[in-house]
């Protein structure tokens, strides 16, 4: 089932299926962070207000804000 990365529950993993990058600069930034279509990503923790997520991708942890997570479509 497809959903936004920000909608994944804690301790859930999914595969990235789409990146909604509006421009090349943002697409390059996603690539630098390891957010690449086909990669598995796991939500480790969400802040209490849901404004940020701690994710694990390619063996390292990364904090992303909800606005960025809303641009990543995943499939569970």
PDB file of N, CA and C in Angstrom:
ATOM      1  N   UNK A   1       0.826  -1.172   0.000  1.00  0.00           N
ATOM      2  CA  UNK A   1       0.000   0.000   0.000  1.00  0.00           C
ATOM      3  C   UNK A   1       0.882   1.252   0.000  1.00  0.00           C
ATOM      4  N   UNK A   2       0.658   2.150  -0.942  1.00  0.00           N
ATOM      5  CA  UNK A   2       1.459   3.361  -1.046  1.00  0.00           C
ATOM      6  C   UNK A   2       0.983   4.407  -0.053  1.00  0.00           C
ATOM      7  N   UNK A   3       1.963   5.092   0.541  1.00  0.00           N
ATOM      8  CA  UNK A   3       1.681   6.192   1.461  1.00  0.00           C
ATOM      9  C   UNK A   3       2.906   7.084   1.538  1.00  0.00           C
ATOM     10  N   UNK A   4       2.753   8.215   2.178  1.00  0.00           N
ATOM     11  CA  UNK A   4       3.877   9.131   2.370  1.00  0.00           C
ATOM     12  C   UNK A   4       4.769   8.619   3.492  1.00  0.00           C
ATOM     13  N   UNK A   5       6.042   8.921   3.410  1.00  0.00           N
ATOM     14  CA  UNK A   5       6.975   8.514   4.454  1.00  0.00           C
ATOM     15  C   UNK A   5       6.533   9.051   5.816  1.00  0.00           C
ATOM     16  N   UNK A   6       6.002  10.256   5.838  1.00  0.00           N
ATOM     17  CA  UNK A   6       5.549  10.851   7.103  1.00  0.00           C
ATOM     18  C   UNK A   6       4.371  10.105   7.714  1.00  0.00           C
ATOM     19  N   UNK A   7       3.675   9.291   6.937  1.00  0.00           N
ATOM     20  CA  UNK A   7       2.519   8.535   7.431  1.00  0.00           C
ATOM     21  C   UNK A   7       2.885   7.166   7.988  1.00  0.00           C
ATOM     22  N   UNK A   8       4.127   6.732   7.786  1.00  0.00           N
ATOM     23  CA  UNK A   8       4.561   5.442   8.331  1.00  0.00           C
ATOM     24  C   UNK A   8       4.628   5.503   9.849  1.00  0.00           C
ATOM     25  N   UNK A   9       4.247   4.437  10.498  1.00  0.00           N
ATOM     26  CA  UNK A   9       4.337   4.348  11.954  1.00  0.00           C
ATOM     27  C   UNK A   9       5.772   4.071  12.369  1.00  0.00           C
ATOM     28  N   UNK A  10       6.064   4.337  13.630  1.00  0.00           N
ATOM     29  CA  UNK A  10       7.388   4.025  14.168  1.00  0.00           C
ATOM     30  C   UNK A  10       7.655   2.526  14.051  1.00  0.00           C
ATOM     31  N   UNK A  11       8.906   2.177  13.819  1.00  0.00           N
ATOM     32  CA  UNK A  11       9.376   0.796  13.669  1.00  0.00           C
ATOM     33  C   UNK A  11       8.817   0.093  12.434  1.00  0.00           C
ATOM     34  N   UNK A  12       8.319   0.843  11.479  1.00  0.00           N
ATOM     35  CA  UNK A  12       7.835   0.267  10.218  1.00  0.00           C
ATOM     36  C   UNK A  12       8.843   0.565   9.113  1.00  0.00           C
ATOM     37  N   UNK A  13       9.019  -0.407   8.238  1.00  0.00           N
ATOM     38  CA  UNK A  13       9.926  -0.245   7.102  1.00  0.00           C
ATOM     39  C   UNK A  13       9.131  -0.309   5.810  1.00  0.00           C
ATOM     40  N   UNK A  14       9.648   0.347   4.789  1.00  0.00           N
ATOM     41  CA  UNK A  14       8.989   0.364   3.487  1.00  0.00           C
ATOM     42  C   UNK A  14      10.033   0.672   2.418  1.00  0.00           C
ATOM     43  N   UNK A  15       9.638   0.480   1.177  1.00  0.00           N
ATOM     44  CA  UNK A  15      10.522   0.759   0.049  1.00  0.00           C
ATOM     45  C   UNK A  15      10.095   2.079  -0.600  1.00  0.00           C
ATOM     46  N   UNK A  16      11.072   2.911  -0.932  1.00  0.00           N
ATOM     47  CA  UNK A  16      10.794   4.175  -1.606  1.00  0.00           C
ATOM     48  C   UNK A  16      10.378   3.872  -3.047  1.00  0.00           C
ATOM     49  N   UNK A  17       9.224   4.397  -3.467  1.00  0.00           N
ATOM     50  CA  UNK A  17       8.727   4.150  -4.824  1.00  0.00           C
ATOM     51  C   UNK A  17       8.644   5.424  -5.662  1.00  0.00           C
ATOM     52  N   UNK A  18       8.662   6.587  -5.000  1.00  0.00           N
ATOM     53  CA  UNK A  18       8.575   7.841  -5.746  1.00  0.00           C
ATOM     54  C   UNK A  18       9.099   8.994  -4.899  1.00  0.00           C
ATOM     55  N   UNK A  19       9.778   9.920  -5.560  1.00  0.00           N
ATOM     56  CA  UNK A  19      10.225  11.152  -4.915  1.00  0.00           C
ATOM     57  C   UNK A  19       9.578  12.317  -5.637  1.00  0.00           C
ATOM     58  N   UNK A  20       8.878  13.142  -4.909  1.00  0.00           N
ATOM     59  CA  UNK A  20       8.163  14.269  -5.509  1.00  0.00           C
ATOM     60  C   UNK A  20       9.040  15.521  -5.477  1.00  0.00           C
ATOM     61  N   UNK A  21      10.177  15.437  -6.135  1.00  0.00           N
ATOM     62  CA  UNK A  21      11.112  16.559  -6.175  1.00  0.00           C
ATOM     63  C   UNK A  21      10.687  17.525  -7.273  1.00  0.00           C
ATOM     64  N   UNK A  22      10.396  18.757  -6.879  1.00  0.00           N
ATOM     65  CA  UNK A  22       9.901  19.764  -7.821  1.00  0.00           C
ATOM     66  C   UNK A  22      11.005  20.319  -8.710  1.00  0.00           C
ATOM     67  N   UNK A  23      12.244  20.239  -8.251  1.00  0.00           N
ATOM     68  CA  UNK A  23      13.339  20.781  -9.062  1.00  0.00           C
ATOM     69  C   UNK A  23      14.579  19.899  -8.943  1.00  0.00           C
ATOM     70  N   UNK A  24      15.544  20.174  -9.777  1.00  0.00           N
ATOM     71  CA  UNK A  24      16.771  19.380  -9.833  1.00  0.00           C
ATOM     72  C   UNK A  24      17.568  19.488  -8.543  1.00  0.00           C
ATOM     73  N   UNK A  25      17.590  20.673  -7.949  1.00  0.00           N
ATOM     74  CA  UNK A  25      18.347  20.872  -6.713  1.00  0.00           C
ATOM     75  C   UNK A  25      17.821  19.960  -5.608  1.00  0.00           C
ATOM     76  N   UNK A  26      16.498  19.882  -5.466  1.00  0.00           N
ATOM     77  CA  UNK A  26      15.904  19.018  -4.450  1.00  0.00           C
ATOM     78  C   UNK A  26      16.156  17.546  -4.775  1.00  0.00           C
ATOM     79  N   UNK A  27      16.064  17.177  -6.037  1.00  0.00           N
ATOM     80  CA  UNK A  27      16.333  15.793  -6.444  1.00  0.00           C
ATOM     81  C   UNK A  27      17.768  15.399  -6.097  1.00  0.00           C
ATOM     82  N   UNK A  28      18.706  16.310  -6.320  1.00  0.00           N
ATOM     83  CA  UNK A  28      20.110  16.047  -5.978  1.00  0.00           C
ATOM     84  C   UNK A  28      20.286  15.904  -4.469  1.00  0.00           C
ATOM     85  N   UNK A  29      19.572  16.711  -3.704  1.00  0.00           N
ATOM     86  CA  UNK A  29      19.659  16.636  -2.249  1.00  0.00           C
ATOM     87  C   UNK A  29      19.135  15.288  -1.744  1.00  0.00           C
ATOM     88  N   UNK A  30      18.017  14.838  -2.296  1.00  0.00           N
ATOM     89  CA  UNK A  30      17.504  13.513  -1.947  1.00  0.00           C
ATOM     90  C   UNK A  30      18.560  12.446  -2.218  1.00  0.00           C
ATOM     91  N   UNK A  31      19.195  12.532  -3.382  1.00  0.00           N
ATOM     92  CA  UNK A  31      20.226  11.554  -3.760  1.00  0.00           C
ATOM     93  C   UNK A  31      21.387  11.582  -2.762  1.00  0.00           C
ATOM     94  N   UNK A  32      21.828  12.782  -2.378  1.00  0.00           N
ATOM     95  CA  UNK A  32      22.921  12.918  -1.416  1.00  0.00           C
ATOM     96  C   UNK A  32      22.575  12.294  -0.072  1.00  0.00           C
ATOM     97  N   UNK A  33      21.313  12.384   0.314  1.00  0.00           N
ATOM     98  CA  UNK A  33      20.867  11.823   1.594  1.00  0.00           C
ATOM     99  C   UNK A  33      20.620  10.319   1.521  1.00  0.00           C
ATOM    100  N   UNK A  34      20.666   9.749   0.323  1.00  0.00           N
ATOM    101  CA  UNK A  34      20.415   8.323   0.164  1.00  0.00           C
ATOM    102  C   UNK A  34      18.959   7.990  -0.081  1.00  0.00           C
ATOM    103  N   UNK A  35      18.126   9.017  -0.233  1.00  0.00           N
ATOM    104  CA  UNK A  35      16.703   8.803  -0.517  1.00  0.00           C
ATOM    105  C   UNK A  35      16.556   8.559  -2.016  1.00  0.00           C
ATOM    106  N   UNK A  36      16.632   7.295  -2.391  1.00  0.00           N
ATOM    107  CA  UNK A  36      16.648   6.879  -3.789  1.00  0.00           C
ATOM    108  C   UNK A  36      15.539   5.852  -3.997  1.00  0.00           C
ATOM    109  N   UNK A  37      14.852   5.959  -5.111  1.00  0.00           N
ATOM    110  CA  UNK A  37      13.798   4.993  -5.439  1.00  0.00           C
ATOM    111  C   UNK A  37      14.383   3.578  -5.398  1.00  0.00           C
ATOM    112  N   UNK A  38      13.697   2.686  -4.708  1.00  0.00           N
ATOM    113  CA  UNK A  38      14.136   1.303  -4.574  1.00  0.00           C
ATOM    114  C   UNK A  38      14.795   1.003  -3.240  1.00  0.00           C
ATOM    115  N   UNK A  39      15.244   2.025  -2.521  1.00  0.00           N
ATOM    116  CA  UNK A  39      15.885   1.831  -1.218  1.00  0.00           C
ATOM    117  C   UNK A  39      14.841   1.551  -0.142  1.00  0.00           C
ATOM    118  N   UNK A  40      15.227   0.735   0.825  1.00  0.00           N
ATOM    119  CA  UNK A  40      14.370   0.498   1.989  1.00  0.00           C
ATOM    120  C   UNK A  40      14.651   1.569   3.029  1.00  0.00           C
ATOM    121  N   UNK A  41      13.598   2.001   3.693  1.00  0.00           N
ATOM    122  CA  UNK A  41      13.722   3.025   4.730  1.00  0.00           C
ATOM    123  C   UNK A  41      12.851   2.601   5.914  1.00  0.00           C
ATOM    124  N   UNK A  42      13.342   2.883   7.117  1.00  0.00           N
ATOM    125  CA  UNK A  42      12.590   2.521   8.328  1.00  0.00           C
ATOM    126  C   UNK A  42      12.449   3.759   9.201  1.00  0.00           C
ATOM    127  N   UNK A  43      11.237   3.999   9.692  1.00  0.00           N
ATOM    128  CA  UNK A  43      10.997   5.096  10.628  1.00  0.00           C
ATOM    129  C   UNK A  43      11.316   4.587  12.030  1.00  0.00           C
ATOM    130  N   UNK A  44      12.317   5.177  12.654  1.00  0.00           N
ATOM    131  CA  UNK A  44      12.706   4.763  13.994  1.00  0.00           C
ATOM    132  C   UNK A  44      11.925   5.510  15.066  1.00  0.00           C
ATOM    133  N   UNK A  45      11.725   6.800  14.860  1.00  0.00           N
ATOM    134  CA  UNK A  45      11.091   7.632  15.883  1.00  0.00           C
ATOM    135  C   UNK A  45      10.452   8.844  15.227  1.00  0.00           C
ATOM    136  N   UNK A  46       9.359   9.310  15.827  1.00  0.00           N
ATOM    137  CA  UNK A  46       8.717  10.553  15.409  1.00  0.00           C
ATOM    138  C   UNK A  46       8.668  11.478  16.613  1.00  0.00           C
ATOM    139  N   UNK A  47       8.772  12.777  16.372  1.00  0.00           N
ATOM    140  CA  UNK A  47       8.636  13.717  17.477  1.00  0.00           C
ATOM    141  C   UNK A  47       7.184  13.715  17.950  1.00  0.00           C
ATOM    142  N   UNK A  48       6.973  14.198  19.147  1.00  0.00           N
ATOM    143  CA  UNK A  48       5.634  14.153  19.731  1.00  0.00           C
ATOM    144  C   UNK A  48       4.594  14.900  18.894  1.00  0.00           C
ATOM    145  N   UNK A  49       4.972  15.968  18.253  1.00  0.00           N
ATOM    146  CA  UNK A  49       4.036  16.723  17.420  1.00  0.00           C
ATOM    147  C   UNK A  49       4.102  16.290  15.954  1.00  0.00           C
ATOM    148  N   UNK A  50       4.962  15.319  15.647  1.00  0.00           N
ATOM    149  CA  UNK A  50       5.054  14.800  14.286  1.00  0.00           C
ATOM    150  C   UNK A  50       5.741  15.720  13.300  1.00  0.00           C
ATOM    151  N   UNK A  51       6.522  16.664  13.783  1.00  0.00           N
ATOM    152  CA  UNK A  51       7.184  17.629  12.897  1.00  0.00           C
ATOM    153  C   UNK A  51       8.491  17.107  12.307  1.00  0.00           C
ATOM    154  N   UNK A  52       9.017  16.043  12.880  1.00  0.00           N
ATOM    155  CA  UNK A  52      10.272  15.471  12.383  1.00  0.00           C
ATOM    156  C   UNK A  52      10.263  13.961  12.590  1.00  0.00           C
ATOM    157  N   UNK A  53      11.057  13.280  11.768  1.00  0.00           N
ATOM    158  CA  UNK A  53      11.178  11.828  11.860  1.00  0.00           C
ATOM    159  C   UNK A  53      12.651  11.445  11.906  1.00  0.00           C
ATOM    160  N   UNK A  54      12.943  10.403  12.640  1.00  0.00           N
ATOM    161  CA  UNK A  54      14.269   9.805  12.617  1.00  0.00           C
ATOM    162  C   UNK A  54      14.132   8.536  11.794  1.00  0.00           C
ATOM    163  N   UNK A  55      14.866   8.481  10.683  1.00  0.00           N
ATOM    164  CA  UNK A  55      14.760   7.326   9.795  1.00  0.00           C
ATOM    165  C   UNK A  55      16.107   6.627   9.681  1.00  0.00           C
ATOM    166  N   UNK A  56      16.054   5.380   9.278  1.00  0.00           N
ATOM    167  CA  UNK A  56      17.263   4.608   9.014  1.00  0.00           C
ATOM    168  C   UNK A  56      17.228   4.215   7.544  1.00  0.00           C
ATOM    169  N   UNK A  57      18.280   4.567   6.830  1.00  0.00           N
ATOM    170  CA  UNK A  57      18.381   4.232   5.414  1.00  0.00           C
ATOM    171  C   UNK A  57      19.835   3.920   5.086  1.00  0.00           C
ATOM    172  N   UNK A  58      20.048   2.833   4.395  1.00  0.00           N
ATOM    173  CA  UNK A  58      21.387   2.410   3.981  1.00  0.00           C
ATOM    174  C   UNK A  58      22.374   2.320   5.141  1.00  0.00           C
ATOM    175  N   UNK A  59      21.866   1.921   6.321  1.00  0.00           N
ATOM    176  CA  UNK A  59      22.745   1.674   7.454  1.00  0.00           C
ATOM    177  C   UNK A  59      23.053   2.874   8.324  1.00  0.00           C
ATOM    178  N   UNK A  60      22.458   4.025   8.077  1.00  0.00           N
ATOM    179  CA  UNK A  60      22.692   5.161   8.951  1.00  0.00           C
ATOM    180  C   UNK A  60      21.374   5.850   9.287  1.00  0.00           C
ATOM    181  N   UNK A  61      21.393   6.609  10.373  1.00  0.00           N
ATOM    182  CA  UNK A  61      20.193   7.312  10.827  1.00  0.00           C
ATOM    183  C   UNK A  61      20.225   8.749  10.322  1.00  0.00           C
ATOM    184  N   UNK A  62      19.036   9.250  10.026  1.00  0.00           N
ATOM    185  CA  UNK A  62      18.902  10.569   9.444  1.00  0.00           C
ATOM    186  C   UNK A  62      17.635  11.209   9.979  1.00  0.00           C
ATOM    187  N   UNK A  63      17.705  12.466  10.387  1.00  0.00           N
ATOM    188  CA  UNK A  63      16.522  13.196  10.826  1.00  0.00           C
ATOM    189  C   UNK A  63      16.009  14.021   9.650  1.00  0.00           C
ATOM    190  N   UNK A  64      14.719  13.908   9.368  1.00  0.00           N
ATOM    191  CA  UNK A  64      14.104  14.692   8.303  1.00  0.00           C
ATOM    192  C   UNK A  64      12.851  15.369   8.842  1.00  0.00           C
ATOM    193  N   UNK A  65      12.574  16.555   8.326  1.00  0.00           N
ATOM    194  CA  UNK A  65      11.361  17.236   8.757  1.00  0.00           C
ATOM    195  C   UNK A  65      10.160  16.673   8.004  1.00  0.00           C
ATOM    196  N   UNK A  66       8.971  16.940   8.527  1.00  0.00           N
ATOM    197  CA  UNK A  66       7.743  16.402   7.940  1.00  0.00           C
ATOM    198  C   UNK A  66       7.564  16.899   6.512  1.00  0.00           C
ATOM    199  N   UNK A  67       7.923  18.138   6.256  1.00  0.00           N
ATOM    200  CA  UNK A  67       7.779  18.709   4.919  1.00  0.00           C
ATOM    201  C   UNK A  67       8.573  17.901   3.886  1.00  0.00           C
ATOM    202  N   UNK A  68       9.764  17.481   4.253  1.00  0.00           N
ATOM    203  CA  UNK A  68      10.580  16.646   3.359  1.00  0.00           C
ATOM    204  C   UNK A  68      10.005  15.243   3.263  1.00  0.00           C
ATOM    205  N   UNK A  69       9.593  14.673   4.388  1.00  0.00           N
ATOM    206  CA  UNK A  69       9.024  13.324   4.400  1.00  0.00           C
ATOM    207  C   UNK A  69       7.743  13.240   3.578  1.00  0.00           C
ATOM    208  N   UNK A  70       7.026  14.350   3.464  1.00  0.00           N
ATOM    209  CA  UNK A  70       5.800  14.381   2.666  1.00  0.00           C
ATOM    210  C   UNK A  70       6.075  14.294   1.160  1.00  0.00           C
ATOM    211  N   UNK A  71       7.328  14.432   0.770  1.00  0.00           N
ATOM    212  CA  UNK A  71       7.693  14.355  -0.651  1.00  0.00           C
ATOM    213  C   UNK A  71       8.195  12.965  -1.050  1.00  0.00           C
ATOM    214  N   UNK A  72       8.225  12.044  -0.079  1.00  0.00           N
ATOM    215  CA  UNK A  72       8.722  10.688  -0.320  1.00  0.00           C
ATOM    216  C   UNK A  72       7.544   9.716  -0.241  1.00  0.00           C
ATOM    217  N   UNK A  73       7.278   9.023  -1.342  1.00  0.00           N
ATOM    218  CA  UNK A  73       6.201   8.027  -1.388  1.00  0.00           C
ATOM    219  C   UNK A  73       6.820   6.645  -1.205  1.00  0.00           C
ATOM    220  N   UNK A  74       6.249   5.872  -0.281  1.00  0.00           N
ATOM    221  CA  UNK A  74       6.774   4.535   0.011  1.00  0.00           C
ATOM    222  C   UNK A  74       5.694   3.491  -0.162  1.00  0.00           C
ATOM    223  N   UNK A  75       6.113   2.239  -0.271  1.00  0.00           N
ATOM    224  CA  UNK A  75       5.188   1.112  -0.370  1.00  0.00           C
ATOM    225  C   UNK A  75       5.578   0.118   0.709  1.00  0.00           C
ATOM    226  N   UNK A  76       4.622  -0.207   1.576  1.00  0.00           N
ATOM    227  CA  UNK A  76       4.883  -1.139   2.677  1.00  0.00           C
ATOM    228  C   UNK A  76       4.985  -2.561   2.201  1.00  0.00           C
TER     229      UNK A  76
END
